[in-house]
Amino acid sequence: MTKNEKALEACEKVLDGIEDDAISTSSALLLCLKIARLTKDVNAIEWLQYEYGGYPRANDGHIESAAWEVAYKNGRGYIEEGKKLIFLELAAELEEKIKAEQNAINNFTTQGVSVSGEHAWVAMNNLTGTVANSTNAILSRITLDQHRLSILKSQYYNYALKKQIEISFGNVAEDIFSQYREKVDNGFSTLSKDTLLKLQAIEDKINTDNPELYSQALTTCRRLFSNTADELFNKYFPDYREKTYKTISGKEIDVSGEHYKNRLSAVIEKLENKSASKSIVGTHISYLLDWIDELMDLQSKGVHNDITKQDAMRCIIQTYICLGDILNLQ
């Protein structure tokens, strides 16, 4: 069983357990912590560890400011007399308090009590009043503690539900991409060895924590498109010697030298059969190449010094899909 499968199983236990009232809130908390660990959800791990072990205090005895913010935004916050406050009881503590309070309330009764004498009525009246006041006080505490426990239960339920949706969608996307990749890989097999080596080079660059290599990954993606454009243009226009190419719309585009985008456009136009669904391929590729160029231009001007790993990963995924679309047109 994979980590995602284990996490999904834990999500189901939390959701079913809370819906069926079959597990305690503290048990749901531990399952949520397991989900966070399995999915490497760092922020949730921090929050849920506080929920389980308590929110840390600074030297002055107050809750650390960062931990206080975590507590407030995850359901523990409330406003009293215009001040933002948090409650600190843990789920397990609230569960035990509620049990103790429910047991205590049964001890406050006048049943079996008898008084006699001249002031019997007064004594009984005082006793009844004391029992009623004590009972009401305990009922108020039970109501408050149950309300706070319900808030925590809702937070854990919502987290498990969110992760279940996230994992399930990821699994669907992974299945779809796997099917797409199998189809695309067949198209890649027609490319030259030099172009395929560039694909491998991209993978080598992204599997690091070196920001400089992320920029190189973008450069490699652009070269990959350039190589593919040259290969396919020579394949579909083997005897073409003109510097320009006239598109179906009548526009003249330069297909010489460094104008690989135009050569790619000419190839796509030749492969497409005027189907509206296929016209998206050219638009998508044009957008991606413009985006890559924009990132690299900004970087060279010092406006955007660092290409993030997210930028590089997005570029690689889009490059794979776009190249696959082109190759599948064949």
C-alpha atoms as a PDB file:
ATOM      1  CA  MET A   1       0.000   0.000   0.000  1.00  0.00           C
ATOM      2  CA  THR A   2       1.413   3.397  -0.993  1.00  0.00           C
ATOM      3  CA  LYS A   3       1.575   6.389   1.344  1.00  0.00           C
ATOM      4  CA  ASN A   4      -1.273   8.058  -0.540  1.00  0.00           C
ATOM      5  CA  GLU A   5      -3.411   4.948  -0.174  1.00  0.00           C
ATOM      6  CA  LYS A   6      -2.673   4.837   3.560  1.00  0.00           C
ATOM      7  CA  ALA A   7      -3.510   8.519   3.867  1.00  0.00           C
ATOM      8  CA  LEU A   8      -6.762   8.020   1.949  1.00  0.00           C
ATOM      9  CA  GLU A   9      -7.661   5.122   4.254  1.00  0.00           C
ATOM     10  CA  ALA A  10      -7.000   7.335   7.301  1.00  0.00           C
ATOM     11  CA  CYS A  11      -9.211  10.050   5.788  1.00  0.00           C
ATOM     12  CA  GLU A  12     -12.068   7.573   5.465  1.00  0.00           C
ATOM     13  CA  LYS A  13     -11.650   6.506   9.111  1.00  0.00           C
ATOM     14  CA  VAL A  14     -11.850  10.103  10.289  1.00  0.00           C
ATOM     15  CA  LEU A  15     -14.852  10.980   8.134  1.00  0.00           C
ATOM     16  CA  ASP A  16     -16.803   7.784   8.810  1.00  0.00           C
ATOM     17  CA  GLY A  17     -15.863   7.778  12.490  1.00  0.00           C
ATOM     18  CA  ILE A  18     -17.048  11.338  13.099  1.00  0.00           C
ATOM     19  CA  GLU A  19     -20.196  10.952  10.966  1.00  0.00           C
ATOM     20  CA  ASP A  20     -21.147   7.723  12.755  1.00  0.00           C
ATOM     21  CA  ASP A  21     -19.956   8.975  16.166  1.00  0.00           C
ATOM     22  CA  ALA A  22     -17.754   5.872  16.282  1.00  0.00           C
ATOM     23  CA  ILE A  23     -14.425   7.464  17.281  1.00  0.00           C
ATOM     24  CA  SER A  24     -13.399  10.060  19.815  1.00  0.00           C
ATOM     25  CA  THR A  25     -12.247  13.496  18.758  1.00  0.00           C
ATOM     26  CA  SER A  26      -8.767  12.780  20.138  1.00  0.00           C
ATOM     27  CA  SER A  27      -8.588   9.630  17.981  1.00  0.00           C
ATOM     28  CA  ALA A  28      -9.621  11.646  14.928  1.00  0.00           C
ATOM     29  CA  LEU A  29      -6.816  14.083  15.767  1.00  0.00           C
ATOM     30  CA  LEU A  30      -4.179  11.335  15.733  1.00  0.00           C
ATOM     31  CA  LEU A  31      -5.481  10.052  12.409  1.00  0.00           C
ATOM     32  CA  CYS A  32      -5.253  13.575  10.977  1.00  0.00           C
ATOM     33  CA  LEU A  33      -1.651  13.791  12.193  1.00  0.00           C
ATOM     34  CA  LYS A  34      -0.985  10.530  10.363  1.00  0.00           C
ATOM     35  CA  ILE A  35      -2.550  11.946   7.199  1.00  0.00           C
ATOM     36  CA  ALA A  36      -0.373  15.054   7.442  1.00  0.00           C
ATOM     37  CA  ARG A  37       2.766  12.958   7.921  1.00  0.00           C
ATOM     38  CA  LEU A  38       1.992  10.638   5.008  1.00  0.00           C
ATOM     39  CA  THR A  39       1.259  13.545   2.662  1.00  0.00           C
ATOM     40  CA  LYS A  40       4.194  15.627   3.960  1.00  0.00           C
ATOM     41  CA  ASP A  41       1.867  18.491   4.862  1.00  0.00           C
ATOM     42  CA  VAL A  42       4.366  20.462   6.953  1.00  0.00           C
ATOM     43  CA  ASN A  43       1.991  23.230   8.060  1.00  0.00           C
ATOM     44  CA  ALA A  44      -0.645  20.740   9.162  1.00  0.00           C
ATOM     45  CA  ILE A  45       1.942  18.664  11.040  1.00  0.00           C
ATOM     46  CA  GLU A  46       2.919  21.745  13.069  1.00  0.00           C
ATOM     47  CA  TRP A  47      -0.724  22.587  13.819  1.00  0.00           C
ATOM     48  CA  LEU A  48      -1.738  19.031  14.705  1.00  0.00           C
ATOM     49  CA  GLN A  49       1.309  18.509  16.920  1.00  0.00           C
ATOM     50  CA  TYR A  50       0.217  21.568  18.893  1.00  0.00           C
ATOM     51  CA  GLU A  51      -3.301  20.131  19.022  1.00  0.00           C
ATOM     52  CA  TYR A  52      -1.966  16.886  20.446  1.00  0.00           C
ATOM     53  CA  GLY A  53       0.815  18.043  22.756  1.00  0.00           C
ATOM     54  CA  GLY A  54      -0.259  21.580  23.602  1.00  0.00           C
ATOM     55  CA  TYR A  55       0.621  25.039  22.340  1.00  0.00           C
ATOM     56  CA  PRO A  56       4.139  26.117  23.400  1.00  0.00           C
ATOM     57  CA  ARG A  57       4.646  28.978  25.822  1.00  0.00           C
ATOM     58  CA  ALA A  58       7.338  31.628  25.857  1.00  0.00           C
ATOM     59  CA  ASN A  59       9.439  32.440  28.946  1.00  0.00           C
ATOM     60  CA  ASP A  60       6.825  34.927  30.162  1.00  0.00           C
ATOM     61  CA  GLY A  61       4.213  32.158  30.291  1.00  0.00           C
ATOM     62  CA  HIS A  62       2.190  33.382  27.322  1.00  0.00           C
ATOM     63  CA  ILE A  63       1.615  31.301  24.206  1.00  0.00           C
ATOM     64  CA  GLU A  64       4.303  31.944  21.584  1.00  0.00           C
ATOM     65  CA  SER A  65       3.002  34.416  19.007  1.00  0.00           C
ATOM     66  CA  ALA A  66       3.434  32.104  16.000  1.00  0.00           C
ATOM     67  CA  ALA A  67       1.688  29.255  17.819  1.00  0.00           C
ATOM     68  CA  TRP A  68      -1.076  31.647  18.938  1.00  0.00           C
ATOM     69  CA  GLU A  69      -1.745  32.573  15.305  1.00  0.00           C
ATOM     70  CA  VAL A  70      -1.917  28.903  14.337  1.00  0.00           C
ATOM     71  CA  ALA A  71      -4.446  28.264  17.109  1.00  0.00           C
ATOM     72  CA  TYR A  72      -6.574  31.294  16.252  1.00  0.00           C
ATOM     73  CA  LYS A  73      -6.869  30.548  12.538  1.00  0.00           C
ATOM     74  CA  ASN A  74      -7.676  26.870  13.167  1.00  0.00           C
ATOM     75  CA  GLY A  75     -10.876  27.369  15.130  1.00  0.00           C
ATOM     76  CA  ARG A  76      -9.629  28.130  18.643  1.00  0.00           C
ATOM     77  CA  GLY A  77     -10.139  31.875  18.389  1.00  0.00           C
ATOM     78  CA  TYR A  78     -13.006  33.860  19.855  1.00  0.00           C
ATOM     79  CA  ILE A  79     -13.704  37.488  20.761  1.00  0.00           C
ATOM     80  CA  GLU A  80     -14.611  38.582  24.263  1.00  0.00           C
ATOM     81  CA  GLU A  81     -15.115  42.209  25.247  1.00  0.00           C
ATOM     82  CA  GLY A  82     -13.471  43.262  21.988  1.00  0.00           C
ATOM     83  CA  LYS A  83     -10.336  41.181  22.580  1.00  0.00           C
ATOM     84  CA  LYS A  84      -9.119  38.275  20.459  1.00  0.00           C
ATOM     85  CA  LEU A  85      -8.617  35.213  22.631  1.00  0.00           C
ATOM     86  CA  ILE A  86      -8.048  31.466  22.188  1.00  0.00           C
ATOM     87  CA  PHE A  87      -9.053  28.471  24.252  1.00  0.00           C
ATOM     88  CA  LEU A  88      -6.255  26.036  25.035  1.00  0.00           C
ATOM     89  CA  GLU A  89      -7.903  22.818  26.229  1.00  0.00           C
ATOM     90  CA  LEU A  90      -6.824  19.861  24.106  1.00  0.00           C
ATOM     91  CA  ALA A  91      -9.367  17.464  22.639  1.00  0.00           C
ATOM     92  CA  ALA A  92      -8.452  14.701  25.102  1.00  0.00           C
ATOM     93  CA  GLU A  93      -8.701  17.149  28.023  1.00  0.00           C
ATOM     94  CA  LEU A  94     -12.138  18.356  26.934  1.00  0.00           C
ATOM     95  CA  GLU A  95     -13.371  14.783  26.565  1.00  0.00           C
ATOM     96  CA  GLU A  96     -12.249  13.942  30.110  1.00  0.00           C
ATOM     97  CA  LYS A  97     -13.673  17.178  31.517  1.00  0.00           C
ATOM     98  CA  ILE A  98     -17.057  16.504  29.961  1.00  0.00           C
ATOM     99  CA  LYS A  99     -17.132  12.973  31.410  1.00  0.00           C
ATOM    100  CA  ALA A 100     -16.182  14.250  34.877  1.00  0.00           C
ATOM    101  CA  GLU A 101     -18.739  17.063  34.716  1.00  0.00           C
ATOM    102  CA  GLN A 102     -21.489  14.690  33.617  1.00  0.00           C
ATOM    103  CA  ASN A 103     -20.664  12.385  36.528  1.00  0.00           C
ATOM    104  CA  ALA A 104     -20.521  15.307  38.955  1.00  0.00           C
ATOM    105  CA  ILE A 105     -23.925  16.589  37.978  1.00  0.00           C
ATOM    106  CA  ASN A 106     -25.479  13.327  39.169  1.00  0.00           C
ATOM    107  CA  ASN A 107     -24.077  13.944  42.661  1.00  0.00           C
ATOM    108  CA  PHE A 108     -26.039  17.161  43.076  1.00  0.00           C
ATOM    109  CA  THR A 109     -29.498  15.984  44.090  1.00  0.00           C
ATOM    110  CA  THR A 110     -31.911  16.306  46.974  1.00  0.00           C
ATOM    111  CA  GLN A 111     -33.263  12.825  46.389  1.00  0.00           C
ATOM    112  CA  GLY A 112     -33.241  10.824  49.653  1.00  0.00           C
ATOM    113  CA  VAL A 113     -32.569  13.907  51.753  1.00  0.00           C
ATOM    114  CA  SER A 114     -34.897  14.603  54.699  1.00  0.00           C
ATOM    115  CA  VAL A 115     -34.812  17.373  57.252  1.00  0.00           C
ATOM    116  CA  SER A 116     -36.881  17.975  60.355  1.00  0.00           C
ATOM    117  CA  GLY A 117     -37.294  20.532  63.001  1.00  0.00           C
ATOM    118  CA  GLU A 118     -38.534  24.055  63.269  1.00  0.00           C
ATOM    119  CA  HIS A 119     -36.505  25.363  60.310  1.00  0.00           C
ATOM    120  CA  ALA A 120     -36.805  22.273  58.088  1.00  0.00           C
ATOM    121  CA  TRP A 121     -38.501  24.188  55.270  1.00  0.00           C
ATOM    122  CA  VAL A 122     -35.788  26.845  55.247  1.00  0.00           C
ATOM    123  CA  ALA A 123     -33.018  24.218  55.278  1.00  0.00           C
ATOM    124  CA  MET A 124     -34.600  22.275  52.424  1.00  0.00           C
ATOM    125  CA  ASN A 125     -35.152  25.437  50.438  1.00  0.00           C
ATOM    126  CA  ASN A 126     -31.509  26.427  50.882  1.00  0.00           C
ATOM    127  CA  LEU A 127     -30.350  22.949  49.925  1.00  0.00           C
ATOM    128  CA  THR A 128     -32.559  22.905  46.835  1.00  0.00           C
ATOM    129  CA  GLY A 129     -31.248  26.310  45.790  1.00  0.00           C
ATOM    130  CA  THR A 130     -27.629  25.245  46.278  1.00  0.00           C
ATOM    131  CA  VAL A 131     -28.182  22.082  44.224  1.00  0.00           C
ATOM    132  CA  ALA A 132     -29.921  24.038  41.466  1.00  0.00           C
ATOM    133  CA  ASN A 133     -27.152  26.643  41.300  1.00  0.00           C
ATOM    134  CA  SER A 134     -24.406  24.025  41.282  1.00  0.00           C
ATOM    135  CA  THR A 135     -26.238  22.003  38.631  1.00  0.00           C
ATOM    136  CA  ASN A 136     -26.693  25.051  36.409  1.00  0.00           C
ATOM    137  CA  ALA A 137     -23.017  25.959  36.784  1.00  0.00           C
ATOM    138  CA  ILE A 138     -21.938  22.460  35.758  1.00  0.00           C
ATOM    139  CA  LEU A 139     -24.419  22.433  32.851  1.00  0.00           C
ATOM    140  CA  SER A 140     -22.957  25.722  31.631  1.00  0.00           C
ATOM    141  CA  ARG A 141     -19.438  24.290  31.775  1.00  0.00           C
ATOM    142  CA  ILE A 142     -20.569  21.136  29.943  1.00  0.00           C
ATOM    143  CA  THR A 143     -22.233  23.241  27.241  1.00  0.00           C
ATOM    144  CA  LEU A 144     -19.099  25.347  26.791  1.00  0.00           C
ATOM    145  CA  ASP A 145     -16.763  22.332  26.744  1.00  0.00           C
ATOM    146  CA  GLN A 146     -18.989  20.436  24.300  1.00  0.00           C
ATOM    147  CA  HIS A 147     -19.090  23.505  22.054  1.00  0.00           C
ATOM    148  CA  ARG A 148     -15.300  23.755  22.052  1.00  0.00           C
ATOM    149  CA  LEU A 149     -14.916  20.022  21.442  1.00  0.00           C
ATOM    150  CA  SER A 150     -17.337  20.304  18.516  1.00  0.00           C
ATOM    151  CA  ILE A 151     -15.186  23.096  17.043  1.00  0.00           C
ATOM    152  CA  LEU A 152     -12.089  20.887  17.204  1.00  0.00           C
ATOM    153  CA  LYS A 153     -14.003  17.920  15.800  1.00  0.00           C
ATOM    154  CA  SER A 154     -15.171  20.087  12.899  1.00  0.00           C
ATOM    155  CA  GLN A 155     -11.597  21.252  12.223  1.00  0.00           C
ATOM    156  CA  TYR A 156     -10.296  17.672  12.084  1.00  0.00           C
ATOM    157  CA  TYR A 157     -13.220  16.554   9.919  1.00  0.00           C
ATOM    158  CA  ASN A 158     -12.679  19.424   7.470  1.00  0.00           C
ATOM    159  CA  TYR A 159      -8.957  18.665   7.254  1.00  0.00           C
ATOM    160  CA  ALA A 160      -9.581  14.975   6.506  1.00  0.00           C
ATOM    161  CA  LEU A 161     -12.207  15.895   3.904  1.00  0.00           C
ATOM    162  CA  LYS A 162      -9.885  18.389   2.210  1.00  0.00           C
ATOM    163  CA  LYS A 163      -7.051  15.857   2.058  1.00  0.00           C
ATOM    164  CA  GLN A 164      -9.384  13.139   0.771  1.00  0.00           C
ATOM    165  CA  ILE A 165     -10.478  15.375  -2.117  1.00  0.00           C
ATOM    166  CA  GLU A 166      -6.882  16.446  -2.763  1.00  0.00           C
ATOM    167  CA  ILE A 167      -5.526  12.885  -2.841  1.00  0.00           C
ATOM    168  CA  SER A 168      -8.439  11.528  -4.888  1.00  0.00           C
ATOM    169  CA  PHE A 169      -8.081  14.283  -7.482  1.00  0.00           C
ATOM    170  CA  GLY A 170      -4.329  13.719  -7.578  1.00  0.00           C
ATOM    171  CA  ASN A 171      -4.857  10.016  -8.212  1.00  0.00           C
ATOM    172  CA  VAL A 172      -7.264  10.753 -11.070  1.00  0.00           C
ATOM    173  CA  ALA A 173      -4.852  13.296 -12.564  1.00  0.00           C
ATOM    174  CA  GLU A 174      -1.984  10.824 -12.210  1.00  0.00           C
ATOM    175  CA  ASP A 175      -3.968   8.093 -13.995  1.00  0.00           C
ATOM    176  CA  ILE A 176      -4.903  10.466 -16.807  1.00  0.00           C
ATOM    177  CA  PHE A 177      -1.331  11.711 -17.171  1.00  0.00           C
ATOM    178  CA  SER A 178       0.006   8.140 -17.167  1.00  0.00           C
ATOM    179  CA  GLN A 179      -2.296   7.263 -20.064  1.00  0.00           C
ATOM    180  CA  TYR A 180      -1.311  10.449 -21.881  1.00  0.00           C
ATOM    181  CA  ARG A 181       2.375   9.797 -21.221  1.00  0.00           C
ATOM    182  CA  GLU A 182       2.178   6.294 -22.682  1.00  0.00           C
ATOM    183  CA  LYS A 183       0.732   7.743 -25.866  1.00  0.00           C
ATOM    184  CA  VAL A 184       3.248  10.598 -26.030  1.00  0.00           C
ATOM    185  CA  ASP A 185       6.273   8.397 -25.361  1.00  0.00           C
ATOM    186  CA  ASN A 186       5.555   6.587 -28.606  1.00  0.00           C
ATOM    187  CA  GLY A 187       5.818   9.925 -30.399  1.00  0.00           C
ATOM    188  CA  PHE A 188       9.078  10.818 -28.634  1.00  0.00           C
ATOM    189  CA  SER A 189      10.617   7.633 -29.936  1.00  0.00           C
ATOM    190  CA  THR A 190      10.649   9.191 -33.434  1.00  0.00           C
ATOM    191  CA  LEU A 191      12.905  12.071 -32.330  1.00  0.00           C
ATOM    192  CA  SER A 192      16.672  12.055 -32.683  1.00  0.00           C
ATOM    193  CA  LYS A 193      18.997  10.895 -29.927  1.00  0.00           C
ATOM    194  CA  ASP A 194      20.261  14.456 -29.406  1.00  0.00           C
ATOM    195  CA  THR A 195      16.740  15.716 -28.715  1.00  0.00           C
ATOM    196  CA  LEU A 196      15.965  12.820 -26.380  1.00  0.00           C
ATOM    197  CA  LEU A 197      19.146  13.551 -24.409  1.00  0.00           C
ATOM    198  CA  LYS A 198      17.810  17.052 -23.797  1.00  0.00           C
ATOM    199  CA  LEU A 199      14.718  15.508 -22.243  1.00  0.00           C
ATOM    200  CA  GLN A 200      16.959  13.570 -19.854  1.00  0.00           C
ATOM    201  CA  ALA A 201      18.962  16.726 -19.104  1.00  0.00           C
ATOM    202  CA  ILE A 202      15.799  18.498 -17.972  1.00  0.00           C
ATOM    203  CA  GLU A 203      15.078  15.735 -15.463  1.00  0.00           C
ATOM    204  CA  ASP A 204      18.630  15.884 -14.105  1.00  0.00           C
ATOM    205  CA  LYS A 205      18.358  19.647 -13.549  1.00  0.00           C
ATOM    206  CA  ILE A 206      14.979  19.652 -11.809  1.00  0.00           C
ATOM    207  CA  ASN A 207      15.889  16.904  -9.332  1.00  0.00           C
ATOM    208  CA  THR A 208      18.141  19.268  -7.378  1.00  0.00           C
ATOM    209  CA  ASP A 209      17.788  22.174  -4.950  1.00  0.00           C
ATOM    210  CA  ASN A 210      20.095  24.426  -6.972  1.00  0.00           C
ATOM    211  CA  PRO A 211      18.222  27.531  -8.286  1.00  0.00           C
ATOM    212  CA  GLU A 212      20.826  28.047 -11.031  1.00  0.00           C
ATOM    213  CA  LEU A 213      19.864  24.696 -12.542  1.00  0.00           C
ATOM    214  CA  TYR A 214      16.191  25.716 -12.660  1.00  0.00           C
ATOM    215  CA  SER A 215      17.129  28.507 -15.047  1.00  0.00           C
ATOM    216  CA  GLN A 216      19.128  26.025 -17.103  1.00  0.00           C
ATOM    217  CA  ALA A 217      16.059  23.789 -17.220  1.00  0.00           C
ATOM    218  CA  LEU A 218      14.113  26.601 -18.904  1.00  0.00           C
ATOM    219  CA  THR A 219      16.926  27.067 -21.422  1.00  0.00           C
ATOM    220  CA  THR A 220      16.912  23.337 -22.141  1.00  0.00           C
ATOM    221  CA  CYS A 221      13.139  23.377 -22.655  1.00  0.00           C
ATOM    222  CA  ARG A 222      13.499  26.159 -25.219  1.00  0.00           C
ATOM    223  CA  ARG A 223      16.286  24.273 -27.012  1.00  0.00           C
ATOM    224  CA  LEU A 224      14.137  21.167 -27.003  1.00  0.00           C
ATOM    225  CA  PHE A 225      11.416  23.044 -28.879  1.00  0.00           C
ATOM    226  CA  SER A 226      14.048  24.435 -31.254  1.00  0.00           C
ATOM    227  CA  ASN A 227      15.448  20.949 -32.002  1.00  0.00           C
ATOM    228  CA  THR A 228      11.962  19.517 -32.468  1.00  0.00           C
ATOM    229  CA  ALA A 229      11.034  22.384 -34.803  1.00  0.00           C
ATOM    230  CA  ASP A 230      14.148  21.773 -36.925  1.00  0.00           C
ATOM    231  CA  GLU A 231      13.616  18.016 -37.092  1.00  0.00           C
ATOM    232  CA  LEU A 232       9.947  18.209 -37.992  1.00  0.00           C
ATOM    233  CA  PHE A 233      10.400  21.090 -40.449  1.00  0.00           C
ATOM    234  CA  ASN A 234      13.088  19.134 -42.313  1.00  0.00           C
ATOM    235  CA  LYS A 235      10.817  16.089 -42.246  1.00  0.00           C
ATOM    236  CA  TYR A 236       7.675  17.801 -43.601  1.00  0.00           C
ATOM    237  CA  PHE A 237       9.389  20.421 -45.753  1.00  0.00           C
ATOM    238  CA  PRO A 238      12.467  18.476 -46.957  1.00  0.00           C
ATOM    239  CA  ASP A 239      13.160  20.576 -50.031  1.00  0.00           C
ATOM    240  CA  TYR A 240      12.083  23.965 -48.672  1.00  0.00           C
ATOM    241  CA  ARG A 241      14.734  26.602 -49.391  1.00  0.00           C
ATOM    242  CA  GLU A 242      12.758  29.836 -49.000  1.00  0.00           C
ATOM    243  CA  LYS A 243      13.329  32.195 -46.074  1.00  0.00           C
ATOM    244  CA  THR A 244       9.606  32.804 -45.583  1.00  0.00           C
ATOM    245  CA  TYR A 245       6.533  30.613 -45.421  1.00  0.00           C
ATOM    246  CA  LYS A 246       3.036  31.700 -46.438  1.00  0.00           C
ATOM    247  CA  THR A 247       0.403  30.497 -43.958  1.00  0.00           C
ATOM    248  CA  ILE A 248      -3.140  29.490 -44.879  1.00  0.00           C
ATOM    249  CA  SER A 249      -4.295  32.953 -43.773  1.00  0.00           C
ATOM    250  CA  GLY A 250      -1.873  34.508 -46.273  1.00  0.00           C
ATOM    251  CA  LYS A 251       0.586  35.824 -43.685  1.00  0.00           C
ATOM    252  CA  GLU A 252       4.298  35.601 -44.532  1.00  0.00           C
ATOM    253  CA  ILE A 253       6.432  34.289 -41.657  1.00  0.00           C
ATOM    254  CA  ASP A 254      10.225  34.036 -41.487  1.00  0.00           C
ATOM    255  CA  VAL A 255      11.325  30.388 -41.115  1.00  0.00           C
ATOM    256  CA  SER A 256      15.052  30.989 -41.466  1.00  0.00           C
ATOM    257  CA  GLY A 257      17.828  31.074 -38.872  1.00  0.00           C
ATOM    258  CA  GLU A 258      16.693  31.457 -35.255  1.00  0.00           C
ATOM    259  CA  HIS A 259      12.990  31.685 -36.083  1.00  0.00           C
ATOM    260  CA  TYR A 260      12.239  28.210 -34.782  1.00  0.00           C
ATOM    261  CA  LYS A 261       8.804  29.281 -33.471  1.00  0.00           C
ATOM    262  CA  ASN A 262       7.720  30.075 -37.014  1.00  0.00           C
ATOM    263  CA  ARG A 263       9.088  26.777 -38.299  1.00  0.00           C
ATOM    264  CA  LEU A 264       7.115  25.042 -35.569  1.00  0.00           C
ATOM    265  CA  SER A 265       3.989  26.973 -36.552  1.00  0.00           C
ATOM    266  CA  ALA A 266       4.432  25.903 -40.178  1.00  0.00           C
ATOM    267  CA  VAL A 267       4.739  22.259 -39.135  1.00  0.00           C
ATOM    268  CA  ILE A 268       1.642  22.453 -36.914  1.00  0.00           C
ATOM    269  CA  GLU A 269      -0.361  24.099 -39.688  1.00  0.00           C
ATOM    270  CA  LYS A 270       0.672  21.350 -42.104  1.00  0.00           C
ATOM    271  CA  LEU A 271      -0.254  18.615 -39.603  1.00  0.00           C
ATOM    272  CA  GLU A 272      -3.573  20.105 -38.609  1.00  0.00           C
ATOM    273  CA  ASN A 273      -6.629  19.495 -40.745  1.00  0.00           C
ATOM    274  CA  LYS A 274      -8.463  22.737 -39.850  1.00  0.00           C
ATOM    275  CA  SER A 275     -10.268  21.037 -36.970  1.00  0.00           C
ATOM    276  CA  ALA A 276     -11.217  23.564 -34.279  1.00  0.00           C
ATOM    277  CA  SER A 277     -10.139  21.121 -31.565  1.00  0.00           C
ATOM    278  CA  LYS A 278      -6.651  20.864 -33.036  1.00  0.00           C
ATOM    279  CA  SER A 279      -6.191  24.640 -33.390  1.00  0.00           C
ATOM    280  CA  ILE A 280      -5.695  24.797 -29.616  1.00  0.00           C
ATOM    281  CA  VAL A 281      -2.314  23.078 -30.000  1.00  0.00           C
ATOM    282  CA  GLY A 282      -0.694  26.005 -31.771  1.00  0.00           C
ATOM    283  CA  THR A 283      -2.160  28.566 -29.368  1.00  0.00           C
ATOM    284  CA  HIS A 284      -1.016  26.614 -26.328  1.00  0.00           C
ATOM    285  CA  ILE A 285       2.535  26.217 -27.621  1.00  0.00           C
ATOM    286  CA  SER A 286       2.776  29.889 -28.607  1.00  0.00           C
ATOM    287  CA  TYR A 287       1.704  30.892 -25.086  1.00  0.00           C
ATOM    288  CA  LEU A 288       4.229  28.549 -23.453  1.00  0.00           C
ATOM    289  CA  LEU A 289       7.166  29.716 -25.574  1.00  0.00           C
ATOM    290  CA  ASP A 290       6.295  33.373 -24.967  1.00  0.00           C
ATOM    291  CA  TRP A 291       6.110  32.669 -21.209  1.00  0.00           C
ATOM    292  CA  ILE A 292       9.525  30.957 -21.215  1.00  0.00           C
ATOM    293  CA  ASP A 293      11.061  33.857 -23.140  1.00  0.00           C
ATOM    294  CA  GLU A 294       9.490  36.394 -20.772  1.00  0.00           C
ATOM    295  CA  LEU A 295      10.895  34.658 -17.696  1.00  0.00           C
ATOM    296  CA  MET A 296      14.351  34.452 -19.195  1.00  0.00           C
ATOM    297  CA  ASP A 297      14.263  38.067 -20.429  1.00  0.00           C
ATOM    298  CA  LEU A 298      13.298  39.299 -16.962  1.00  0.00           C
ATOM    299  CA  GLN A 299      16.068  37.246 -15.430  1.00  0.00           C
ATOM    300  CA  SER A 300      18.690  38.593 -17.820  1.00  0.00           C
ATOM    301  CA  LYS A 301      17.615  42.160 -16.983  1.00  0.00           C
ATOM    302  CA  GLY A 302      17.916  41.485 -13.260  1.00  0.00           C
ATOM    303  CA  VAL A 303      14.185  42.000 -12.689  1.00  0.00           C
ATOM    304  CA  HIS A 304      13.665  38.400 -11.717  1.00  0.00           C
ATOM    305  CA  ASN A 305      16.925  37.046 -10.403  1.00  0.00           C
ATOM    306  CA  ASP A 306      15.765  33.606  -9.416  1.00  0.00           C
ATOM    307  CA  ILE A 307      13.702  31.088 -11.336  1.00  0.00           C
ATOM    308  CA  THR A 308      11.770  29.096  -8.747  1.00  0.00           C
ATOM    309  CA  LYS A 309      11.460  25.347  -8.739  1.00  0.00           C
ATOM    310  CA  GLN A 310       7.727  25.804  -9.280  1.00  0.00           C
ATOM    311  CA  ASP A 311       8.422  27.832 -12.432  1.00  0.00           C
ATOM    312  CA  ALA A 312      10.792  25.155 -13.713  1.00  0.00           C
ATOM    313  CA  MET A 313       8.397  22.282 -12.928  1.00  0.00           C
ATOM    314  CA  ARG A 314       5.505  24.067 -14.607  1.00  0.00           C
ATOM    315  CA  CYS A 315       7.652  24.691 -17.664  1.00  0.00           C
ATOM    316  CA  ILE A 316       8.756  21.048 -17.875  1.00  0.00           C
ATOM    317  CA  ILE A 317       5.217  19.672 -17.537  1.00  0.00           C
ATOM    318  CA  GLN A 318       3.877  22.100 -20.143  1.00  0.00           C
ATOM    319  CA  THR A 319       6.789  21.333 -22.471  1.00  0.00           C
ATOM    320  CA  TYR A 320       6.066  17.624 -22.227  1.00  0.00           C
ATOM    321  CA  ILE A 321       2.361  18.145 -22.960  1.00  0.00           C
ATOM    322  CA  CYS A 322       2.959  20.573 -25.842  1.00  0.00           C
ATOM    323  CA  LEU A 323       5.564  18.389 -27.506  1.00  0.00           C
ATOM    324  CA  GLY A 324       3.257  15.438 -27.056  1.00  0.00           C
ATOM    325  CA  ASP A 325       0.433  17.323 -28.735  1.00  0.00           C
ATOM    326  CA  ILE A 326       2.667  18.138 -31.711  1.00  0.00           C
ATOM    327  CA  LEU A 327       3.945  14.602 -32.062  1.00  0.00           C
ATOM    328  CA  ASN A 328       0.444  13.160 -31.740  1.00  0.00           C
ATOM    329  CA  LEU A 329      -0.694  15.319 -34.666  1.00  0.00           C
ATOM    330  CA  GLN A 330       1.443  13.049 -36.825  1.00  0.00           C
END
